[in-house]
Amino acid sequence: MKHFRLLSLFLLLLAPMVSEAQNGINSPFSQYGIGLSNMPYNVPVISATGGIAYTKAAYNMINPFNPASYAAVRSESFVFDMGLSFDMATLSDSRNSLFDADGNLSYLNIAFPITKWWKTALGVMPMTDVNYMTISESTINPGGSVRTVYEGVGGVSQFFWGHGFNILGSSDDKKPQLRAGFNLNLLYGSDTSAVTFDFLANDTTYFIDSRRQKNSIIRGLTFDFGLLYDHPLSDDYSLSLGLNIKPGRKMTIRENALVYTFVSNAGLEYMRDTIFPTDGNSEFESSLQQPFTTGIGLSFQRNNQWLIALDATFAPWSGFKYQMGLDNPIFGKSALQYGGNQRYALGFQLLGNPNASSYLRRITFSAGTHFENGRLSLQLVDGRDFRLNEWGVGFGASLPMRKGRSVLNVSASYSSFGSTDLLRRNLFSIGISVGSCESWFVKRKFN
């Protein structure tokens, strides 16, 4: 009955994440492509180490960024892993600044064994977020001004089903271990983007209000593969190597667009003329392309004392390449440029000793930093390419519960993205996650 209640709770919490996108912080950066992503920093145990993900594996956590890590789940355990986040952001340029805050469910995952050497995991997490509103005013002739409103809302989530396999060795001995795994990822979501031109002059002889609007429905499958190799160097030291490969994949998404003029009266809008589509068919297909991405991780550990790790990620561009399926895009030419992307992370942990008599000595403390080159690249109106980079730091602690089988992770992180010459986002995040490890598959013996 306890197992049934836990599964029912997982499905109940999963439902709202599947049915609709979550709220997000206002960010004009999210208007490009299919939105702005905060992965892998949405996982507290990963953000606490600055983004170290490829060598991260434990029996009481689920790491979807290297599916080989699922093999670390114990053969008698059921793992329930849930994370929450609270974000505070400041957007600033050379003249103005804006503060925004938001809290959300970061992810919801479960993992359990199929056999002693085969473990599986399922979960869902927000992948990208679209949430922005920007207003500008300019003077027009003859006599008047126009207010232009850029706005968008939506996002994409990712549901994954992963498998991890013990190929060589096991976690119960001091011999080399090799694990492998793969994820099948379902991307789903929607977003709406619009540009509204509101003419403020009383005389509408020459100008009339108009709106350009696009709606997107995203559905697609992607895959990724992982390896994790642990090699003991002595009784006290060990070395781990992690690898994650995301093959390039092109997907088709469904969209519809509408360009029209309208008049306002008593706060209500009335459509006047439809400019697009001219044939009455507003639907079309666009494409998303995932780049071939390679992630490599290396960690060096002194057993039950400390660990230092390094991650590196390489891709031809960041995120998904979006190509609108119209000969004449309704928003004009996009400023987004797709250039090379690299991410580096360095993390350190003071490892807790699960057998220590003092609770303080059983706590694991983490810290780390990351740098991402070419997170976003834009072409400015003067023709220059402007590459936007990101750097950040993270701190955290893993607090054991129930004699060390379950754990409460808390993290605090700070990141800076962009430039005040254009726009900078300073983001402070607090994360909390619970990795619950329950014994489900133990056969009780009675005398």
Protein backbone atom coordinates (compact mmCIF):
# COMPACT_ATOMS: atom_id res chain seq x y z
CA MET A 1 0.00 0.00 0.00
CA LYS A 2 2.89 2.40 0.80
CA HIS A 3 4.36 1.76 -2.66
CA PHE A 4 1.02 2.44 -4.32
CA ARG A 5 0.67 5.75 -2.46
CA LEU A 6 4.13 6.88 -3.57
CA LEU A 7 3.40 6.03 -7.21
CA SER A 8 0.05 7.84 -6.98
CA LEU A 9 1.80 10.91 -5.54
CA PHE A 10 4.34 10.86 -8.41
CA LEU A 11 1.58 10.74 -11.03
CA LEU A 12 -0.39 13.46 -9.24
CA LEU A 13 2.60 15.82 -9.16
CA LEU A 14 3.52 14.90 -12.74
CA ALA A 15 0.12 15.87 -14.15
CA PRO A 16 0.37 19.69 -13.92
CA MET A 17 3.92 19.67 -15.33
CA VAL A 18 2.74 17.67 -18.34
CA SER A 19 -0.39 19.69 -18.95
CA GLU A 20 1.02 23.22 -18.94
CA ALA A 21 4.20 25.26 -18.89
CA GLN A 22 5.32 26.89 -15.67
CA ASN A 23 5.74 30.56 -14.94
CA GLY A 24 9.09 32.19 -15.55
CA ILE A 25 11.14 35.30 -15.02
CA ASN A 26 10.70 38.11 -17.54
CA SER A 27 13.65 37.83 -19.94
CA PRO A 28 13.87 39.33 -23.45
CA PHE A 29 16.54 36.67 -24.18
CA SER A 30 13.79 34.04 -24.17
CA GLN A 31 12.27 35.41 -27.42
CA TYR A 32 14.93 33.63 -29.48
CA GLY A 33 14.50 30.05 -30.70
CA ILE A 34 12.25 28.06 -28.36
CA GLY A 35 13.20 29.92 -25.19
CA LEU A 36 15.93 30.18 -22.60
CA SER A 37 17.17 27.05 -20.80
CA ASN A 38 18.49 26.76 -17.24
CA MET A 39 19.65 23.14 -17.55
CA PRO A 40 21.58 21.59 -15.79
CA TYR A 41 21.50 24.29 -13.09
CA ASN A 42 17.86 23.52 -12.27
CA VAL A 43 19.07 20.46 -10.29
CA PRO A 44 20.25 21.66 -6.83
CA VAL A 45 22.83 18.92 -6.29
CA ILE A 46 24.39 19.86 -9.66
CA SER A 47 24.14 23.65 -9.36
CA ALA A 48 25.83 23.41 -5.93
CA THR A 49 28.99 22.16 -7.66
CA GLY A 50 28.87 24.77 -10.42
CA GLY A 51 27.26 22.46 -13.00
CA ILE A 52 29.22 19.21 -12.55
CA ALA A 53 26.97 16.54 -14.08
CA TYR A 54 28.76 13.89 -16.16
CA THR A 55 30.45 11.99 -13.29
CA LYS A 56 27.66 12.53 -10.76
CA ALA A 57 26.10 9.25 -9.59
CA ALA A 58 24.60 8.09 -6.29
CA TYR A 59 22.08 5.55 -5.07
CA ASN A 60 19.74 8.27 -3.72
CA MET A 61 19.68 10.72 -6.66
CA ILE A 62 18.72 10.64 -10.34
CA ASN A 63 21.01 12.36 -12.83
CA PRO A 64 19.39 12.57 -16.30
CA PHE A 65 22.45 14.37 -17.73
CA ASN A 66 24.36 11.09 -17.81
CA PRO A 67 21.98 8.11 -18.07
CA ALA A 68 24.79 5.70 -17.13
CA SER A 69 24.40 7.05 -13.57
CA TYR A 70 21.07 5.22 -13.17
CA ALA A 71 23.05 2.00 -12.72
CA ALA A 72 24.15 3.31 -9.29
CA VAL A 73 20.61 2.73 -7.94
CA ARG A 74 20.67 -0.20 -5.53
CA SER A 75 18.97 -3.39 -6.63
CA GLU A 76 16.54 -3.32 -3.68
CA SER A 77 15.67 0.40 -3.81
CA PHE A 78 13.05 2.73 -5.24
CA VAL A 79 14.30 6.32 -5.62
CA PHE A 80 12.01 9.35 -5.66
CA ASP A 81 13.81 12.62 -6.53
CA MET A 82 12.02 15.98 -6.54
CA GLY A 83 13.42 19.52 -6.76
CA LEU A 84 12.10 23.03 -6.13
CA SER A 85 13.66 26.35 -7.07
CA PHE A 86 13.18 30.03 -6.28
CA ASP A 87 14.78 32.51 -8.69
CA MET A 88 15.44 36.23 -8.32
CA ALA A 89 16.72 38.11 -11.38
CA THR A 90 17.80 41.64 -12.22
CA LEU A 91 17.79 42.81 -15.84
CA SER A 92 19.90 45.86 -16.52
CA ASP A 93 21.39 47.89 -19.35
CA SER A 94 23.40 51.10 -19.29
CA ARG A 95 20.38 53.12 -18.09
CA ASN A 96 17.65 50.96 -16.52
CA SER A 97 17.15 47.90 -14.35
CA LEU A 98 14.22 45.58 -13.59
CA PHE A 99 13.75 43.04 -10.78
CA ASP A 100 11.65 39.88 -11.07
CA ALA A 101 11.21 36.71 -9.00
CA ASP A 102 9.58 33.33 -9.50
CA GLY A 103 9.36 29.89 -7.88
CA ASN A 104 8.66 26.54 -9.53
CA LEU A 105 8.85 22.80 -9.33
CA SER A 106 12.22 22.10 -10.99
CA TYR A 107 11.86 18.40 -11.77
CA LEU A 108 10.20 15.17 -10.69
CA ASN A 109 11.99 11.84 -11.20
CA ILE A 110 11.80 8.20 -10.12
CA ALA A 111 14.18 5.26 -10.58
CA PHE A 112 14.05 1.58 -9.73
CA PRO A 113 15.79 -1.69 -10.70
CA ILE A 114 14.63 -4.10 -13.37
CA THR A 115 17.42 -6.58 -12.62
CA LYS A 116 20.61 -6.35 -10.56
CA TRP A 117 22.48 -5.00 -13.57
CA TRP A 118 19.68 -3.03 -15.28
CA LYS A 119 18.04 0.07 -13.74
CA THR A 120 15.48 2.42 -15.24
CA ALA A 121 14.42 6.02 -14.56
CA LEU A 122 11.53 8.27 -15.57
CA GLY A 123 11.04 11.96 -15.01
CA VAL A 124 9.98 15.35 -16.26
CA MET A 125 11.56 18.80 -16.04
CA PRO A 126 11.11 22.21 -17.67
CA MET A 127 13.60 22.53 -20.51
CA THR A 128 13.13 26.07 -21.86
CA ASP A 129 11.08 29.07 -20.80
CA VAL A 130 9.51 31.81 -22.92
CA ASN A 131 8.44 34.81 -20.87
CA TYR A 132 9.10 38.38 -21.94
CA MET A 133 7.51 41.77 -22.43
CA THR A 134 9.36 44.79 -23.79
CA ILE A 135 7.82 48.17 -24.62
CA SER A 136 9.39 50.93 -26.69
CA GLU A 137 8.11 54.26 -28.07
CA SER A 138 9.26 56.18 -31.12
CA THR A 139 8.21 59.31 -33.03
CA ILE A 140 6.63 59.05 -36.49
CA ASN A 141 5.69 61.55 -39.15
CA PRO A 142 3.33 63.16 -39.76
CA GLY A 143 2.90 64.11 -36.08
CA GLY A 144 2.55 61.33 -33.57
CA SER A 145 4.24 58.37 -31.95
CA VAL A 146 3.96 54.59 -31.85
CA ARG A 147 4.26 52.24 -28.91
CA THR A 148 5.68 48.82 -29.85
CA VAL A 149 5.05 45.91 -27.49
CA TYR A 150 7.07 42.70 -27.80
CA GLU A 151 5.66 39.84 -25.72
CA GLY A 152 5.75 36.08 -25.46
CA VAL A 153 4.79 33.27 -23.10
CA GLY A 154 5.20 29.48 -23.03
CA GLY A 155 7.99 26.97 -22.90
CA VAL A 156 9.11 23.42 -23.54
CA SER A 157 9.34 20.57 -21.04
CA GLN A 158 11.18 17.27 -21.32
CA PHE A 159 9.90 13.86 -20.30
CA PHE A 160 12.62 11.22 -20.25
CA TRP A 161 12.71 7.46 -19.94
CA GLY A 162 16.22 6.24 -19.30
CA HIS A 163 18.08 2.99 -18.71
CA GLY A 164 21.40 2.34 -17.02
CA PHE A 165 23.43 -0.87 -17.16
CA ASN A 166 26.27 -2.26 -15.05
CA ILE A 167 28.72 -3.52 -17.69
CA LEU A 168 31.75 -4.22 -15.49
CA GLY A 169 32.08 -4.53 -11.71
CA SER A 170 29.65 -3.27 -9.07
CA SER A 171 29.48 -0.58 -6.41
CA ASP A 172 30.07 -3.18 -3.69
CA ASP A 173 33.73 -3.80 -4.53
CA LYS A 174 36.94 -1.86 -5.11
CA LYS A 175 37.40 -3.03 -8.69
CA PRO A 176 36.98 -0.91 -11.85
CA GLN A 177 33.36 -0.26 -12.80
CA LEU A 178 31.90 0.53 -16.20
CA ARG A 179 28.32 1.70 -16.63
CA ALA A 180 26.40 2.63 -19.77
CA GLY A 181 22.98 4.12 -20.40
CA PHE A 182 20.65 5.97 -22.72
CA ASN A 183 17.67 8.34 -22.54
CA LEU A 184 14.63 8.58 -24.76
CA ASN A 185 13.41 12.18 -24.42
CA LEU A 186 9.99 13.51 -25.37
CA LEU A 187 9.92 17.28 -25.87
CA TYR A 188 6.52 18.92 -25.58
CA GLY A 189 5.22 22.44 -25.12
CA SER A 190 3.88 25.55 -26.80
CA ASP A 191 4.54 29.26 -26.97
CA THR A 192 2.91 32.40 -28.28
CA SER A 193 4.87 35.42 -29.50
CA ALA A 194 3.45 38.75 -30.63
CA VAL A 195 4.44 42.27 -31.70
CA THR A 196 1.81 44.99 -31.35
CA PHE A 197 2.09 48.44 -32.96
CA ASP A 198 -0.08 50.94 -31.08
CA PHE A 199 -0.26 54.34 -32.79
CA LEU A 200 -0.85 57.04 -30.19
CA ALA A 201 -1.88 59.85 -32.56
CA ASN A 202 -5.58 60.75 -32.74
CA ASP A 203 -5.48 60.96 -36.52
CA THR A 204 -5.46 57.44 -38.01
CA THR A 205 -5.63 58.58 -41.62
CA TYR A 206 -2.11 57.39 -42.28
CA PHE A 207 -1.62 54.76 -39.55
CA ILE A 208 -3.68 52.05 -37.88
CA ASP A 209 -2.90 49.68 -35.01
CA SER A 210 -1.69 46.24 -36.02
CA ARG A 211 -0.45 42.98 -34.49
CA ARG A 212 1.77 40.14 -35.65
CA GLN A 213 1.26 36.89 -33.73
CA LYS A 214 2.72 33.39 -33.96
CA ASN A 215 1.72 30.23 -32.06
CA SER A 216 3.98 27.17 -31.89
CA ILE A 217 3.27 23.61 -30.79
CA ILE A 218 6.43 21.63 -30.08
CA ARG A 219 6.52 17.83 -30.09
CA GLY A 220 9.64 15.80 -30.76
CA LEU A 221 11.89 12.92 -29.71
CA THR A 222 15.60 13.11 -28.95
CA PHE A 223 18.16 10.63 -27.66
CA ASP A 224 21.32 10.77 -25.64
CA PHE A 225 23.85 8.16 -24.49
CA GLY A 226 26.20 8.01 -21.54
CA LEU A 227 29.21 6.15 -20.14
CA LEU A 228 30.64 6.26 -16.63
CA TYR A 229 33.91 4.59 -15.69
CA ASP A 230 35.23 4.42 -12.11
CA HIS A 231 38.81 3.29 -11.55
CA PRO A 232 40.29 2.82 -8.03
CA LEU A 233 43.89 4.07 -7.90
CA SER A 234 44.48 2.74 -4.38
CA ASP A 235 42.54 2.00 -1.22
CA ASP A 236 41.97 5.73 -0.71
CA TYR A 237 41.90 7.33 -4.16
CA SER A 238 39.75 6.80 -7.24
CA LEU A 239 39.28 8.38 -10.66
CA SER A 240 36.00 8.69 -12.60
CA LEU A 241 35.41 9.51 -16.27
CA GLY A 242 31.98 10.41 -17.63
CA LEU A 243 30.81 10.84 -21.21
CA ASN A 244 27.49 12.06 -22.64
CA ILE A 245 26.66 12.13 -26.35
CA LYS A 246 23.63 13.83 -27.89
CA PRO A 247 23.31 12.95 -31.59
CA GLY A 248 22.18 15.69 -33.95
CA ARG A 249 18.49 15.48 -34.74
CA LYS A 250 16.08 17.57 -36.84
CA MET A 251 12.42 17.80 -35.86
CA THR A 252 9.32 19.35 -37.41
CA ILE A 253 6.99 21.54 -35.36
CA ARG A 254 3.53 22.91 -36.15
CA GLU A 255 2.90 26.65 -36.14
CA ASN A 256 0.29 29.19 -37.16
CA ALA A 257 0.61 32.92 -37.72
CA LEU A 258 -1.70 35.90 -38.06
CA VAL A 259 -1.00 39.52 -39.06
CA TYR A 260 -3.93 41.91 -38.81
CA THR A 261 -5.01 45.47 -38.14
CA PHE A 262 -7.47 46.39 -35.41
CA VAL A 263 -9.28 49.30 -33.80
CA SER A 264 -9.86 49.88 -30.10
CA ASN A 265 -13.04 51.17 -28.46
CA ALA A 266 -13.75 51.34 -24.73
CA GLY A 267 -10.82 49.06 -23.98
CA LEU A 268 -11.94 46.39 -26.45
CA GLU A 269 -10.17 45.44 -29.68
CA TYR A 270 -11.95 44.73 -32.96
CA MET A 271 -10.15 43.10 -35.88
CA ARG A 272 -10.31 45.15 -39.04
CA ASP A 273 -8.29 43.58 -41.87
CA THR A 274 -6.27 40.38 -42.14
CA ILE A 275 -2.91 40.90 -43.83
CA PHE A 276 -1.61 37.34 -43.37
CA PRO A 277 -2.58 34.72 -44.35
CA THR A 278 -3.93 35.87 -47.68
CA ASP A 279 -5.35 32.44 -48.56
CA GLY A 280 -7.00 31.75 -45.20
CA ASN A 281 -4.53 29.01 -44.21
CA SER A 282 -2.53 30.22 -41.24
CA GLU A 283 -0.81 26.90 -40.46
CA PHE A 284 2.71 25.94 -41.55
CA GLU A 285 5.62 23.76 -40.45
CA SER A 286 8.97 24.91 -39.05
CA SER A 287 12.03 22.98 -37.94
CA LEU A 288 14.14 22.48 -34.82
CA GLN A 289 17.59 20.97 -34.96
CA GLN A 290 19.51 19.61 -32.01
CA PRO A 291 23.29 19.88 -32.50
CA PHE A 292 25.65 16.97 -32.01
CA THR A 293 26.81 17.61 -28.46
CA THR A 294 29.66 16.03 -26.50
CA GLY A 295 30.00 16.25 -22.73
CA ILE A 296 33.09 15.00 -20.88
CA GLY A 297 33.59 14.83 -17.11
CA LEU A 298 36.56 13.90 -14.93
CA SER A 299 36.62 13.59 -11.14
CA PHE A 300 39.30 12.67 -8.61
CA GLN A 301 38.18 11.48 -5.19
CA ARG A 302 39.70 10.65 -1.85
CA ASN A 303 37.24 8.23 -0.30
CA ASN A 304 34.88 9.78 2.28
CA GLN A 305 36.98 12.94 2.42
CA TRP A 306 36.92 15.11 -0.69
CA LEU A 307 36.28 15.19 -4.44
CA ILE A 308 37.29 17.56 -7.23
CA ALA A 309 35.67 17.40 -10.68
CA LEU A 310 35.80 19.09 -14.08
CA ASP A 311 33.15 19.09 -16.84
CA ALA A 312 33.41 20.30 -20.43
CA THR A 313 30.64 20.48 -23.05
CA PHE A 314 31.12 21.17 -26.76
CA ALA A 315 28.46 21.89 -29.40
CA PRO A 316 28.26 23.75 -32.76
CA TRP A 317 25.63 26.01 -31.17
CA SER A 318 23.66 26.39 -27.96
CA GLY A 319 20.17 24.93 -27.66
CA PHE A 320 18.00 24.11 -30.67
CA LYS A 321 18.38 25.77 -34.06
CA TYR A 322 14.99 27.17 -35.05
CA GLN A 323 14.04 27.81 -38.69
CA MET A 324 10.65 29.36 -39.43
CA GLY A 325 8.88 27.68 -42.33
CA LEU A 326 7.81 30.89 -44.10
CA ASP A 327 9.54 32.56 -47.02
CA ASN A 328 8.86 35.93 -45.39
CA PRO A 329 8.99 35.57 -41.57
CA ILE A 330 6.27 37.67 -39.95
CA PHE A 331 8.73 39.16 -37.43
CA GLY A 332 11.38 39.87 -40.05
CA LYS A 333 14.91 38.51 -40.00
CA SER A 334 15.97 37.09 -36.62
CA ALA A 335 18.97 38.63 -34.85
CA LEU A 336 19.97 35.19 -33.50
CA GLN A 337 23.23 33.78 -34.84
CA TYR A 338 24.20 30.14 -34.30
CA GLY A 339 27.87 29.96 -33.30
CA GLY A 340 30.11 27.54 -31.40
CA ASN A 341 29.18 26.85 -27.78
CA GLN A 342 31.37 25.53 -24.96
CA ARG A 343 30.58 25.10 -21.27
CA TYR A 344 33.15 24.45 -18.52
CA ALA A 345 32.50 23.65 -14.86
CA LEU A 346 34.81 23.09 -11.90
CA GLY A 347 33.46 21.67 -8.63
CA PHE A 348 34.72 20.65 -5.22
CA GLN A 349 33.09 18.65 -2.42
CA LEU A 350 33.93 17.89 1.20
CA LEU A 351 32.37 14.46 1.46
CA GLY A 352 30.36 13.41 4.46
CA ASN A 353 31.17 10.13 6.17
CA PRO A 354 27.94 8.10 6.42
CA ASN A 355 29.38 6.11 9.33
CA ALA A 356 30.42 9.14 11.41
CA SER A 357 28.91 9.48 14.87
CA SER A 358 28.55 13.27 14.49
CA TYR A 359 25.74 14.45 12.21
CA LEU A 360 27.83 17.41 11.05
CA ARG A 361 30.51 15.05 9.74
CA ARG A 362 27.89 13.17 7.72
CA ILE A 363 26.98 16.32 5.74
CA THR A 364 28.52 16.84 2.27
CA PHE A 365 29.45 20.44 1.43
CA SER A 366 29.80 21.55 -2.20
CA ALA A 367 31.07 24.54 -4.17
CA GLY A 368 31.78 25.19 -7.82
CA THR A 369 31.91 27.59 -10.73
CA HIS A 370 31.07 27.51 -14.43
CA PHE A 371 31.67 29.50 -17.60
CA GLU A 372 29.71 29.18 -20.84
CA ASN A 373 31.07 30.68 -24.04
CA GLY A 374 28.60 31.62 -26.79
CA ARG A 375 25.44 30.98 -24.80
CA LEU A 376 23.73 33.35 -27.21
CA SER A 377 25.01 35.20 -30.27
CA LEU A 378 23.12 38.14 -31.77
CA GLN A 379 23.65 40.30 -34.82
CA LEU A 380 23.22 43.97 -33.92
CA VAL A 381 21.60 46.57 -36.18
CA ASP A 382 25.04 47.90 -37.12
CA GLY A 383 26.03 44.46 -38.44
CA ARG A 384 28.30 43.42 -35.57
CA ASP A 385 28.03 39.93 -34.05
CA PHE A 386 27.60 40.14 -30.28
CA ARG A 387 28.40 36.95 -28.33
CA LEU A 388 26.77 36.70 -24.91
CA ASN A 389 28.59 34.56 -22.35
CA GLU A 390 27.65 33.37 -18.87
CA TRP A 391 29.56 32.73 -15.67
CA GLY A 392 28.35 31.61 -12.27
CA VAL A 393 29.13 30.13 -8.87
CA GLY A 394 27.25 27.71 -6.66
CA PHE A 395 27.28 26.43 -3.09
CA GLY A 396 25.31 23.78 -1.27
CA ALA A 397 25.00 20.99 1.25
CA SER A 398 23.59 17.47 1.22
CA LEU A 399 21.89 16.60 4.50
CA PRO A 400 21.42 12.87 5.16
CA MET A 401 18.07 11.65 6.46
CA ARG A 402 16.89 8.30 7.75
CA LYS A 403 20.32 6.93 8.60
CA GLY A 404 21.81 8.20 5.36
CA ARG A 405 19.65 6.39 2.79
CA SER A 406 17.70 9.52 1.85
CA VAL A 407 19.08 13.02 1.46
CA LEU A 408 17.94 16.65 1.48
CA ASN A 409 19.96 18.88 -0.88
CA VAL A 410 20.04 22.67 -0.56
CA SER A 411 21.88 25.01 -2.92
CA ALA A 412 22.42 28.69 -3.62
CA SER A 413 23.81 29.89 -6.95
CA TYR A 414 24.56 33.13 -8.75
CA SER A 415 25.06 33.66 -12.49
CA SER A 416 25.61 36.61 -14.80
CA PHE A 417 24.55 36.41 -18.44
CA GLY A 418 24.95 39.00 -21.15
CA SER A 419 26.44 42.50 -21.07
CA THR A 420 25.26 45.92 -19.91
CA ASP A 421 26.19 47.21 -23.39
CA LEU A 422 23.12 45.28 -24.55
CA LEU A 423 21.34 43.59 -21.64
CA ARG A 424 22.59 41.70 -18.59
CA ARG A 425 20.71 39.20 -16.45
CA ASN A 426 22.00 38.64 -12.92
CA LEU A 427 20.26 35.59 -11.46
CA PHE A 428 20.27 34.35 -7.85
CA SER A 429 18.67 30.94 -7.28
CA ILE A 430 17.85 28.87 -4.21
CA GLY A 431 17.21 25.17 -4.78
CA ILE A 432 15.88 22.37 -2.59
CA SER A 433 15.62 18.73 -3.57
CA VAL A 434 14.74 15.51 -1.79
CA GLY A 435 16.22 12.18 -2.83
CA SER A 436 14.12 9.53 -1.11
CA CYS A 437 15.56 6.01 -1.22
CA GLU A 438 13.03 3.37 -0.15
CA SER A 439 13.60 -0.38 0.20
CA TRP A 440 10.94 -1.92 -2.05
CA PHE A 441 12.37 -5.15 -3.32
CA VAL A 442 13.61 -6.84 -0.15
CA LYS A 443 12.20 -10.28 0.64
CA ARG A 444 11.45 -10.36 4.37
CA LYS A 445 12.58 -13.41 6.27
CA PHE A 446 10.91 -14.61 9.46
CA ASN A 447 12.02 -17.30 11.89
